Structures are given as structure tokens and as C-alpha cells.
């Protein structure tokens, strides 16, 4: 039996998950998630490969829980308090999902039932505490204005392409990206976004090689800062300004190079 093979460890993990579910909801610490999202990123499966049914259950749980989370947090900045609460919830939920898979592997229906009840308890506590923190969080700032190019713009592939946003009050950074299916360019350099509201894809930027003639989508944000209840500074991303750009053949797109990994795009 797999649960027996884990021995005391599995029992301790289950007891710890129950204790976490009974713990008071965490508040007032943590860092904000860029662009307002505290989405889970890990995998719930144990070392043994998930079965199709286990993968389907996990994906359904994550999808539905994230949907409800988004409904509650819509149009509000993710404060550090919200991010801490969300991170703790997902850590507990993934631990419980792992235990559920071990129980399923051992065909322990009673343990599966207990983990399902625990997931509901975790969700209940999370979605009871989240609205209160959301009510205290600032609204997402409005989108910046795009000064140029104009709607319906076209640009040759492999030519300098500049996007200009109108300066936003109190903005400390500006995020720009140009996207097509499966790839994108951005003005991010390392961990930093541009300090100016103007961003340019240079004519010799190696990322041009990933683009093709057709529609591309520009997305821009102004980034301001705020402080949490405990004085922790965090980023506030504005609503996005968007523009469709038609890329045409004509420019001389550079060949791929080792420098393509430097900043921005895929």
C-alpha cells in the first residue's frame, strides 16, 4: 500500500493539511503579483505520474477556483495582503491534492472523501477572507493613452517600430509588448521595465525573426506604486491599452542570434 509505504510521513502531511485548514486566514504581508494575478504555478502530482483522471480532477479544481478568484478580485490591484492570502491557500490546496492522489493510488475511498471535504473547507475559508481584503485594495488604474501609432497602423517587418504612450501621473515604469501567436517582444530588460512611456523595437532587433506578416497585438501598461497597510511598497499595474498592428513584408528581419535571449521576447 502506497500510503503505508509513506508511513508516518503521509499521516503527518494529512494532519498538517487539516491544521492549516483550521489556521486563521493570513493577512498583511507578502508581495504583489505583477499585473494582478496570484495564480498557481506548481504541479499537484506526487513523484508517481498522474493518471488521466487525477490530472483532469486537478485541472478542473484549479480552473474553477481561479475563475471564482478572478470574479472576486476583478478590477482591483493585488495588494501584498491579497497575494499572501492567495499564496497560502494554493500551497495548502496543492498539498491536499497530493494527498488525494496518494489515497487514490491506494484505493482508499475514505481518505479521498476526507481530502475532498478538506478542499471545500480550504476554499470556503479563502473565499470568505478574500472579499474583505479586496474591498481594501485600490482599484486598477485606468489605461494609459497611446499617442502613436494610430489605429489601423501598418509596419514593415524588420523596421524600427515605436509605440508612444502619454505620460501617466505618478507612473514609475511602463510595460510594452508586441505579440503574435506563440511569441512576443517586450521592453523588459532583466527584471526592469522601461522608465519612459516610449518603447521601440529596433530595426536590427533579433526578435523580429520570430514575427511574420499579419496581425500583431500591442499591449501597454503604466506602473505606479502604493504601500500596504504595513508600509510595504508594491506595484500597481494599470488597465492595458491595446492596439492591433498589421506587419507587412518589406523590412530585412535579422537572422537568429545568441543575443536574442537578451531582454524581452521569445
Foldseek 3Di string as FASTA:
>chain_A
DLCVVCPVVLVVLVVVLVVLLVDAQFFDAAAFDPPADLADDDDLEDPDDDDPVLVVVVVVVSVVLVVVVCVLQPQFGGHRGNNVRSVSLVVSLSSLSHSLRSCVVVVPVVSVVVSVVSNVSSSVNSVVPNNVVSVVTHGFAAAFAWPDDDAPAEEEQLAKDKTATDDDPQFQAKKKKKDDPPKIFIQDFDNGHHRHRMDIDHSAQLVSVVDDFAKIKMKMWGWHWDADPVGHIHIRTHHIDMHIYGYDHDRDRDHHDPCNVGHTMD
